[in-house]
């Protein structure tokens, strides 16, 4: 009975946390109109969040393009299909690797920074001071950062895919010797703008919602102590990464299940 009681308490605690997170997300959505009326705050957060992740996004995208071109070339030459290298690299980056890897890097870089920033504001009683002055912290502090994360994620994912394709071009054309015209022409004929690129952008926008909402929730609900902020940043990375991977499977099944 003690084991069953413990399992029941854990299950209730998990359900309660999910419910609390859903209520927080709903209140955050309700605060978005107030943030939209102050575009300067949103632009400031887009600049801050994008710059926090830009260097690691560009470096990682280039490295992924290098490795992907090499691995795909070795696999395709076995079946005499090395001319399809450009198409395979493009689809892999635009459909999957671009949105997913960008979201994981975003969660580890900008997400933890957002959590720590909001957590320190709470520990320094700045959030409480806003509430005492009748200022809604969700509308003034959280909503602009939420919009900034949603807008920044597709832009970062597009940059990741772009530099990844350029990295693959360097390896495939300049190092391996694949014809440059074939590398680009097969991408133009085989990649659909709406089905491939559009779905990739939509996935990255959804991942932006997940990563930013989780980061803001963990920072806003953390204990106002240094240990609490440290635990909150760890929970941000774990929760956001698992959410992105789970949602990626669902979106891929919905978007690319039919030819």
C-alpha atoms as a PDB file:
ATOM      1  CA  UNK A   1       0.000   0.000   0.000  1.00  0.00           C
ATOM      2  CA  UNK A   2       2.878   2.372   0.713  1.00  0.00           C
ATOM      3  CA  UNK A   3       4.218   1.791  -2.793  1.00  0.00           C
ATOM      4  CA  UNK A   4       0.797   2.390  -4.352  1.00  0.00           C
ATOM      5  CA  UNK A   5       0.312   5.479  -2.224  1.00  0.00           C
ATOM      6  CA  UNK A   6       3.692   6.829  -3.294  1.00  0.00           C
ATOM      7  CA  UNK A   7       2.934   6.175  -6.976  1.00  0.00           C
ATOM      8  CA  UNK A   8      -0.448   7.838  -6.619  1.00  0.00           C
ATOM      9  CA  UNK A   9       1.054  10.902  -4.985  1.00  0.00           C
ATOM     10  CA  UNK A  10       3.677  11.156  -7.715  1.00  0.00           C
ATOM     11  CA  UNK A  11       1.035  10.838 -10.433  1.00  0.00           C
ATOM     12  CA  UNK A  12      -1.103  13.539  -8.806  1.00  0.00           C
ATOM     13  CA  UNK A  13       1.936  15.802  -8.483  1.00  0.00           C
ATOM     14  CA  UNK A  14       2.751  15.360 -12.181  1.00  0.00           C
ATOM     15  CA  UNK A  15      -0.841  16.075 -13.206  1.00  0.00           C
ATOM     16  CA  UNK A  16      -0.936  19.125 -10.936  1.00  0.00           C
ATOM     17  CA  UNK A  17       2.275  20.482 -12.483  1.00  0.00           C
ATOM     18  CA  UNK A  18       0.900  19.931 -15.997  1.00  0.00           C
ATOM     19  CA  UNK A  19      -2.295  21.724 -15.067  1.00  0.00           C
ATOM     20  CA  UNK A  20      -0.382  24.601 -13.525  1.00  0.00           C
ATOM     21  CA  UNK A  21       1.775  24.847 -16.626  1.00  0.00           C
ATOM     22  CA  UNK A  22      -1.309  24.882 -18.863  1.00  0.00           C
ATOM     23  CA  UNK A  23      -2.824  27.719 -16.818  1.00  0.00           C
ATOM     24  CA  UNK A  24       0.454  29.643 -17.014  1.00  0.00           C
ATOM     25  CA  UNK A  25       0.531  29.190 -20.799  1.00  0.00           C
ATOM     26  CA  UNK A  26      -3.064  30.389 -21.101  1.00  0.00           C
ATOM     27  CA  UNK A  27      -2.315  33.498 -19.036  1.00  0.00           C
ATOM     28  CA  UNK A  28       0.759  34.098 -21.189  1.00  0.00           C
ATOM     29  CA  UNK A  29      -1.371  33.968 -24.345  1.00  0.00           C
ATOM     30  CA  UNK A  30      -3.801  36.433 -22.803  1.00  0.00           C
ATOM     31  CA  UNK A  31      -0.908  38.834 -22.180  1.00  0.00           C
ATOM     32  CA  UNK A  32       0.265  38.776 -25.808  1.00  0.00           C
ATOM     33  CA  UNK A  33      -2.022  41.623 -27.049  1.00  0.00           C
ATOM     34  CA  UNK A  34      -0.472  43.968 -24.494  1.00  0.00           C
ATOM     35  CA  UNK A  35       3.011  43.029 -25.725  1.00  0.00           C
ATOM     36  CA  UNK A  36       2.047  43.507 -29.380  1.00  0.00           C
ATOM     37  CA  UNK A  37       1.061  47.093 -28.636  1.00  0.00           C
ATOM     38  CA  UNK A  38       4.661  47.715 -27.478  1.00  0.00           C
ATOM     39  CA  UNK A  39       6.707  46.502 -30.469  1.00  0.00           C
ATOM     40  CA  UNK A  40       9.886  48.115 -29.168  1.00  0.00           C
ATOM     41  CA  UNK A  41      10.083  45.605 -26.329  1.00  0.00           C
ATOM     42  CA  UNK A  42       9.497  42.710 -28.725  1.00  0.00           C
ATOM     43  CA  UNK A  43      12.178  43.879 -31.164  1.00  0.00           C
ATOM     44  CA  UNK A  44      14.595  44.305 -28.275  1.00  0.00           C
ATOM     45  CA  UNK A  45      13.980  40.718 -27.176  1.00  0.00           C
ATOM     46  CA  UNK A  46      14.302  39.371 -30.727  1.00  0.00           C
ATOM     47  CA  UNK A  47      17.689  41.066 -30.938  1.00  0.00           C
ATOM     48  CA  UNK A  48      18.782  39.799 -27.538  1.00  0.00           C
ATOM     49  CA  UNK A  49      17.554  36.223 -27.958  1.00  0.00           C
ATOM     50  CA  UNK A  50      18.828  35.898 -31.528  1.00  0.00           C
ATOM     51  CA  UNK A  51      22.282  37.216 -30.696  1.00  0.00           C
ATOM     52  CA  UNK A  52      22.580  34.839 -27.751  1.00  0.00           C
ATOM     53  CA  UNK A  53      22.256  31.837 -30.062  1.00  0.00           C
ATOM     54  CA  UNK A  54      23.556  33.111 -33.406  1.00  0.00           C
ATOM     55  CA  UNK A  55      27.209  32.098 -33.081  1.00  0.00           C
ATOM     56  CA  UNK A  56      26.534  28.555 -31.916  1.00  0.00           C
ATOM     57  CA  UNK A  57      23.800  28.149 -34.548  1.00  0.00           C
ATOM     58  CA  UNK A  58      26.104  29.168 -37.401  1.00  0.00           C
ATOM     59  CA  UNK A  59      29.026  27.061 -36.149  1.00  0.00           C
ATOM     60  CA  UNK A  60      26.847  24.009 -35.561  1.00  0.00           C
ATOM     61  CA  UNK A  61      25.074  24.365 -38.917  1.00  0.00           C
ATOM     62  CA  UNK A  62      28.372  24.502 -40.771  1.00  0.00           C
ATOM     63  CA  UNK A  63      29.729  21.466 -38.946  1.00  0.00           C
ATOM     64  CA  UNK A  64      26.531  19.493 -39.529  1.00  0.00           C
ATOM     65  CA  UNK A  65      26.685  20.346 -43.243  1.00  0.00           C
ATOM     66  CA  UNK A  66      30.284  19.119 -43.445  1.00  0.00           C
ATOM     67  CA  UNK A  67      29.581  15.817 -41.719  1.00  0.00           C
ATOM     68  CA  UNK A  68      26.261  15.232 -43.473  1.00  0.00           C
ATOM     69  CA  UNK A  69      27.826  15.678 -46.913  1.00  0.00           C
ATOM     70  CA  UNK A  70      30.613  13.217 -46.127  1.00  0.00           C
ATOM     71  CA  UNK A  71      28.330  10.576 -44.635  1.00  0.00           C
ATOM     72  CA  UNK A  72      25.733  10.847 -47.387  1.00  0.00           C
ATOM     73  CA  UNK A  73      28.392  10.699 -50.095  1.00  0.00           C
ATOM     74  CA  UNK A  74      29.851   7.465 -48.705  1.00  0.00           C
ATOM     75  CA  UNK A  75      26.377   5.938 -48.502  1.00  0.00           C
ATOM     76  CA  UNK A  76      25.153   7.123 -51.910  1.00  0.00           C
ATOM     77  CA  UNK A  77      28.258   6.060 -53.840  1.00  0.00           C
ATOM     78  CA  UNK A  78      27.568   2.482 -52.746  1.00  0.00           C
ATOM     79  CA  UNK A  79      24.388   2.569 -54.857  1.00  0.00           C
ATOM     80  CA  UNK A  80      25.713   4.839 -57.612  1.00  0.00           C
ATOM     81  CA  UNK A  81      23.516   7.762 -56.568  1.00  0.00           C
ATOM     82  CA  UNK A  82      26.107  10.337 -55.585  1.00  0.00           C
ATOM     83  CA  UNK A  83      24.439  12.900 -57.879  1.00  0.00           C
ATOM     84  CA  UNK A  84      21.542  13.031 -55.389  1.00  0.00           C
ATOM     85  CA  UNK A  85      23.788  14.296 -52.606  1.00  0.00           C
ATOM     86  CA  UNK A  86      22.586  17.896 -52.800  1.00  0.00           C
ATOM     87  CA  UNK A  87      18.923  16.896 -52.620  1.00  0.00           C
ATOM     88  CA  UNK A  88      19.415  14.552 -49.661  1.00  0.00           C
ATOM     89  CA  UNK A  89      21.383  17.133 -47.695  1.00  0.00           C
ATOM     90  CA  UNK A  90      18.846  19.861 -48.427  1.00  0.00           C
ATOM     91  CA  UNK A  91      15.831  17.790 -47.390  1.00  0.00           C
ATOM     92  CA  UNK A  92      17.546  16.502 -44.267  1.00  0.00           C
ATOM     93  CA  UNK A  93      18.430  20.004 -43.136  1.00  0.00           C
ATOM     94  CA  UNK A  94      15.233  21.796 -44.110  1.00  0.00           C
ATOM     95  CA  UNK A  95      12.822  19.132 -42.895  1.00  0.00           C
ATOM     96  CA  UNK A  96      14.481  17.769 -39.764  1.00  0.00           C
ATOM     97  CA  UNK A  97      17.964  18.749 -38.703  1.00  0.00           C
ATOM     98  CA  UNK A  98      17.509  22.482 -39.106  1.00  0.00           C
ATOM     99  CA  UNK A  99      14.414  22.889 -36.899  1.00  0.00           C
ATOM    100  CA  UNK A 100      15.292  20.162 -34.367  1.00  0.00           C
ATOM    101  CA  UNK A 101      18.978  20.909 -33.778  1.00  0.00           C
ATOM    102  CA  UNK A 102      18.267  24.636 -33.691  1.00  0.00           C
ATOM    103  CA  UNK A 103      15.578  24.086 -31.061  1.00  0.00           C
ATOM    104  CA  UNK A 104      17.884  21.948 -28.917  1.00  0.00           C
ATOM    105  CA  UNK A 105      20.672  24.523 -29.142  1.00  0.00           C
ATOM    106  CA  UNK A 106      18.164  27.295 -28.456  1.00  0.00           C
ATOM    107  CA  UNK A 107      16.951  25.519 -25.330  1.00  0.00           C
ATOM    108  CA  UNK A 108      20.500  25.090 -24.065  1.00  0.00           C
ATOM    109  CA  UNK A 109      21.647  28.626 -24.844  1.00  0.00           C
ATOM    110  CA  UNK A 110      18.837  31.188 -24.931  1.00  0.00           C
ATOM    111  CA  UNK A 111      16.361  29.088 -22.935  1.00  0.00           C
ATOM    112  CA  UNK A 112      18.593  28.743 -19.909  1.00  0.00           C
ATOM    113  CA  UNK A 113      19.468  32.424 -20.146  1.00  0.00           C
ATOM    114  CA  UNK A 114      15.788  33.382 -20.094  1.00  0.00           C
ATOM    115  CA  UNK A 115      15.143  31.096 -17.129  1.00  0.00           C
ATOM    116  CA  UNK A 116      18.062  32.511 -15.172  1.00  0.00           C
ATOM    117  CA  UNK A 117      17.079  36.086 -16.033  1.00  0.00           C
ATOM    118  CA  UNK A 118      13.466  35.668 -14.867  1.00  0.00           C
ATOM    119  CA  UNK A 119      14.566  33.616 -11.854  1.00  0.00           C
ATOM    120  CA  UNK A 120      17.007  36.290 -10.743  1.00  0.00           C
ATOM    121  CA  UNK A 121      14.335  38.942 -11.174  1.00  0.00           C
ATOM    122  CA  UNK A 122      12.109  36.913  -8.895  1.00  0.00           C
ATOM    123  CA  UNK A 123      14.918  36.323  -6.390  1.00  0.00           C
ATOM    124  CA  UNK A 124      15.637  40.055  -6.371  1.00  0.00           C
ATOM    125  CA  UNK A 125      11.938  40.732  -5.753  1.00  0.00           C
ATOM    126  CA  UNK A 126      11.587  42.734  -8.960  1.00  0.00           C
ATOM    127  CA  UNK A 127       8.557  40.658  -9.951  1.00  0.00           C
ATOM    128  CA  UNK A 128       6.935  41.327  -6.584  1.00  0.00           C
ATOM    129  CA  UNK A 129       7.699  45.049  -6.931  1.00  0.00           C
ATOM    130  CA  UNK A 130       5.899  45.141 -10.286  1.00  0.00           C
ATOM    131  CA  UNK A 131       2.864  43.471  -8.780  1.00  0.00           C
ATOM    132  CA  UNK A 132       2.838  46.012  -5.940  1.00  0.00           C
ATOM    133  CA  UNK A 133       2.835  48.804  -8.536  1.00  0.00           C
ATOM    134  CA  UNK A 134      -0.141  47.170 -10.316  1.00  0.00           C
ATOM    135  CA  UNK A 135       2.032  46.173 -13.297  1.00  0.00           C
ATOM    136  CA  UNK A 136       1.326  42.747 -14.734  1.00  0.00           C
ATOM    137  CA  UNK A 137       4.747  41.017 -14.975  1.00  0.00           C
ATOM    138  CA  UNK A 138       3.422  38.569 -17.552  1.00  0.00           C
ATOM    139  CA  UNK A 139       2.478  41.409 -19.902  1.00  0.00           C
ATOM    140  CA  UNK A 140       5.547  43.554 -19.205  1.00  0.00           C
ATOM    141  CA  UNK A 141       8.304  40.963 -18.803  1.00  0.00           C
ATOM    142  CA  UNK A 142       7.224  37.539 -20.059  1.00  0.00           C
ATOM    143  CA  UNK A 143       5.072  38.254 -23.130  1.00  0.00           C
ATOM    144  CA  UNK A 144       7.730  40.270 -25.061  1.00  0.00           C
ATOM    145  CA  UNK A 145      10.258  37.513 -24.448  1.00  0.00           C
ATOM    146  CA  UNK A 146       7.718  34.910 -25.532  1.00  0.00           C
ATOM    147  CA  UNK A 147       7.088  36.700 -28.827  1.00  0.00           C
ATOM    148  CA  UNK A 148      10.803  37.262 -29.281  1.00  0.00           C
ATOM    149  CA  UNK A 149      11.494  33.540 -28.937  1.00  0.00           C
ATOM    150  CA  UNK A 150       8.724  32.575 -31.365  1.00  0.00           C
ATOM    151  CA  UNK A 151      10.034  34.981 -34.026  1.00  0.00           C
ATOM    152  CA  UNK A 152      13.712  34.172 -33.448  1.00  0.00           C
ATOM    153  CA  UNK A 153      13.416  30.397 -33.744  1.00  0.00           C
ATOM    154  CA  UNK A 154      12.380  30.199 -37.452  1.00  0.00           C
ATOM    155  CA  UNK A 155      15.042  32.773 -38.344  1.00  0.00           C
ATOM    156  CA  UNK A 156      17.745  30.802 -36.543  1.00  0.00           C
ATOM    157  CA  UNK A 157      16.540  27.531 -38.096  1.00  0.00           C
ATOM    158  CA  UNK A 158      16.669  29.098 -41.570  1.00  0.00           C
ATOM    159  CA  UNK A 159      20.226  30.299 -40.939  1.00  0.00           C
ATOM    160  CA  UNK A 160      21.187  26.843 -39.645  1.00  0.00           C
ATOM    161  CA  UNK A 161      19.861  25.166 -42.803  1.00  0.00           C
ATOM    162  CA  UNK A 162      21.446  27.784 -45.077  1.00  0.00           C
ATOM    163  CA  UNK A 163      24.943  27.513 -43.623  1.00  0.00           C
ATOM    164  CA  UNK A 164      24.548  23.729 -43.487  1.00  0.00           C
ATOM    165  CA  UNK A 165      23.843  23.610 -47.225  1.00  0.00           C
ATOM    166  CA  UNK A 166      26.808  25.896 -47.883  1.00  0.00           C
ATOM    167  CA  UNK A 167      28.989  23.647 -45.731  1.00  0.00           C
ATOM    168  CA  UNK A 168      27.815  20.624 -47.699  1.00  0.00           C
ATOM    169  CA  UNK A 169      28.633  22.503 -50.913  1.00  0.00           C
ATOM    170  CA  UNK A 170      32.189  23.107 -49.741  1.00  0.00           C
ATOM    171  CA  UNK A 171      32.716  19.415 -48.986  1.00  0.00           C
ATOM    172  CA  UNK A 172      30.826  17.995 -51.961  1.00  0.00           C
ATOM    173  CA  UNK A 173      32.025  20.343 -54.702  1.00  0.00           C
ATOM    174  CA  UNK A 174      35.364  21.713 -53.535  1.00  0.00           C
ATOM    175  CA  UNK A 175      36.722  18.648 -51.743  1.00  0.00           C
ATOM    176  CA  UNK A 176      35.011  15.614 -53.272  1.00  0.00           C
ATOM    177  CA  UNK A 177      34.592  17.008 -56.796  1.00  0.00           C
ATOM    178  CA  UNK A 178      30.861  16.706 -57.451  1.00  0.00           C
ATOM    179  CA  UNK A 179      29.625  18.925 -60.260  1.00  0.00           C
ATOM    180  CA  UNK A 180      28.417  22.256 -58.842  1.00  0.00           C
ATOM    181  CA  UNK A 181      25.603  22.618 -61.396  1.00  0.00           C
ATOM    182  CA  UNK A 182      24.241  19.193 -60.510  1.00  0.00           C
ATOM    183  CA  UNK A 183      24.500  19.951 -56.783  1.00  0.00           C
ATOM    184  CA  UNK A 184      22.257  23.018 -57.081  1.00  0.00           C
ATOM    185  CA  UNK A 185      19.939  21.958 -59.926  1.00  0.00           C
ATOM    186  CA  UNK A 186      18.768  18.785 -58.202  1.00  0.00           C
ATOM    187  CA  UNK A 187      17.826  20.841 -55.178  1.00  0.00           C
ATOM    188  CA  UNK A 188      15.802  23.269 -57.296  1.00  0.00           C
ATOM    189  CA  UNK A 189      13.884  20.445 -58.945  1.00  0.00           C
ATOM    190  CA  UNK A 190      13.444  18.188 -55.912  1.00  0.00           C
ATOM    191  CA  UNK A 191      12.655  20.584 -53.045  1.00  0.00           C
ATOM    192  CA  UNK A 192       9.121  21.929 -52.784  1.00  0.00           C
ATOM    193  CA  UNK A 193       8.875  25.388 -51.208  1.00  0.00           C
ATOM    194  CA  UNK A 194       5.585  24.850 -49.393  1.00  0.00           C
ATOM    195  CA  UNK A 195       5.797  21.166 -48.505  1.00  0.00           C
ATOM    196  CA  UNK A 196       9.443  21.035 -47.469  1.00  0.00           C
ATOM    197  CA  UNK A 197      10.585  24.551 -46.588  1.00  0.00           C
ATOM    198  CA  UNK A 198       7.166  25.706 -45.353  1.00  0.00           C
ATOM    199  CA  UNK A 199       6.670  22.709 -43.088  1.00  0.00           C
ATOM    200  CA  UNK A 200      10.178  23.153 -41.717  1.00  0.00           C
ATOM    201  CA  UNK A 201       9.413  26.778 -40.850  1.00  0.00           C
ATOM    202  CA  UNK A 202       6.144  25.744 -39.212  1.00  0.00           C
ATOM    203  CA  UNK A 203       7.949  23.133 -37.124  1.00  0.00           C
ATOM    204  CA  UNK A 204      10.559  25.630 -35.979  1.00  0.00           C
ATOM    205  CA  UNK A 205       7.817  28.081 -34.950  1.00  0.00           C
ATOM    206  CA  UNK A 206       6.144  25.373 -32.846  1.00  0.00           C
ATOM    207  CA  UNK A 207       9.500  24.522 -31.293  1.00  0.00           C
ATOM    208  CA  UNK A 208       9.970  28.199 -30.512  1.00  0.00           C
ATOM    209  CA  UNK A 209       6.690  28.208 -28.602  1.00  0.00           C
ATOM    210  CA  UNK A 210       7.720  25.114 -26.629  1.00  0.00           C
ATOM    211  CA  UNK A 211      11.261  26.228 -25.746  1.00  0.00           C
ATOM    212  CA  UNK A 212      10.347  29.800 -24.836  1.00  0.00           C
ATOM    213  CA  UNK A 213       7.241  28.876 -22.844  1.00  0.00           C
ATOM    214  CA  UNK A 214       9.134  26.236 -20.863  1.00  0.00           C
ATOM    215  CA  UNK A 215      12.010  28.626 -20.159  1.00  0.00           C
ATOM    216  CA  UNK A 216       9.697  31.392 -18.965  1.00  0.00           C
ATOM    217  CA  UNK A 217       7.605  29.014 -16.853  1.00  0.00           C
ATOM    218  CA  UNK A 218      10.627  27.523 -15.120  1.00  0.00           C
ATOM    219  CA  UNK A 219      12.045  30.955 -14.406  1.00  0.00           C
ATOM    220  CA  UNK A 220       8.761  32.431 -13.200  1.00  0.00           C
ATOM    221  CA  UNK A 221       7.871  29.507 -10.935  1.00  0.00           C
ATOM    222  CA  UNK A 222      11.323  28.815  -9.523  1.00  0.00           C
ATOM    223  CA  UNK A 223      12.204  29.188  -5.871  1.00  0.00           C
ATOM    224  CA  UNK A 224      13.714  32.593  -5.139  1.00  0.00           C
ATOM    225  CA  UNK A 225      17.089  31.134  -4.158  1.00  0.00           C
ATOM    226  CA  UNK A 226      20.354  30.532  -6.041  1.00  0.00           C
ATOM    227  CA  UNK A 227      19.785  26.781  -5.797  1.00  0.00           C
ATOM    228  CA  UNK A 228      16.265  27.176  -7.138  1.00  0.00           C
ATOM    229  CA  UNK A 229      17.485  29.142 -10.158  1.00  0.00           C
ATOM    230  CA  UNK A 230      20.161  26.526 -10.854  1.00  0.00           C
ATOM    231  CA  UNK A 231      17.633  23.687 -10.755  1.00  0.00           C
ATOM    232  CA  UNK A 232      15.240  25.686 -12.933  1.00  0.00           C
ATOM    233  CA  UNK A 233      17.826  26.112 -15.703  1.00  0.00           C
ATOM    234  CA  UNK A 234      18.467  22.359 -15.683  1.00  0.00           C
ATOM    235  CA  UNK A 235      14.754  21.604 -15.864  1.00  0.00           C
ATOM    236  CA  UNK A 236      14.445  24.024 -18.765  1.00  0.00           C
ATOM    237  CA  UNK A 237      16.952  22.125 -20.897  1.00  0.00           C
ATOM    238  CA  UNK A 238      15.524  18.694 -20.059  1.00  0.00           C
ATOM    239  CA  UNK A 239      11.852  19.598 -20.397  1.00  0.00           C
ATOM    240  CA  UNK A 240      12.237  21.703 -23.546  1.00  0.00           C
ATOM    241  CA  UNK A 241      14.430  19.079 -25.262  1.00  0.00           C
ATOM    242  CA  UNK A 242      11.993  16.256 -24.521  1.00  0.00           C
ATOM    243  CA  UNK A 243       9.075  18.407 -25.643  1.00  0.00           C
ATOM    244  CA  UNK A 244      10.809  19.273 -28.910  1.00  0.00           C
ATOM    245  CA  UNK A 245      11.675  15.650 -29.702  1.00  0.00           C
ATOM    246  CA  UNK A 246       8.159  14.432 -28.916  1.00  0.00           C
ATOM    247  CA  UNK A 247       6.505  17.200 -30.930  1.00  0.00           C
ATOM    248  CA  UNK A 248       8.914  16.599 -33.811  1.00  0.00           C
ATOM    249  CA  UNK A 249       7.653  13.041 -34.175  1.00  0.00           C
ATOM    250  CA  UNK A 250       4.025  14.185 -34.116  1.00  0.00           C
ATOM    251  CA  UNK A 251       4.553  16.997 -36.628  1.00  0.00           C
ATOM    252  CA  UNK A 252       6.608  14.810 -38.956  1.00  0.00           C
ATOM    253  CA  UNK A 253       3.894  12.154 -38.926  1.00  0.00           C
ATOM    254  CA  UNK A 254       1.259  14.772 -39.743  1.00  0.00           C
ATOM    255  CA  UNK A 255       3.197  16.747 -42.342  1.00  0.00           C
ATOM    256  CA  UNK A 256       5.101  14.118 -44.310  1.00  0.00           C
ATOM    257  CA  UNK A 257       3.007  10.953 -43.913  1.00  0.00           C
ATOM    258  CA  UNK A 258       1.323  11.405 -47.315  1.00  0.00           C
ATOM    259  CA  UNK A 259       3.249  11.702 -50.588  1.00  0.00           C
END
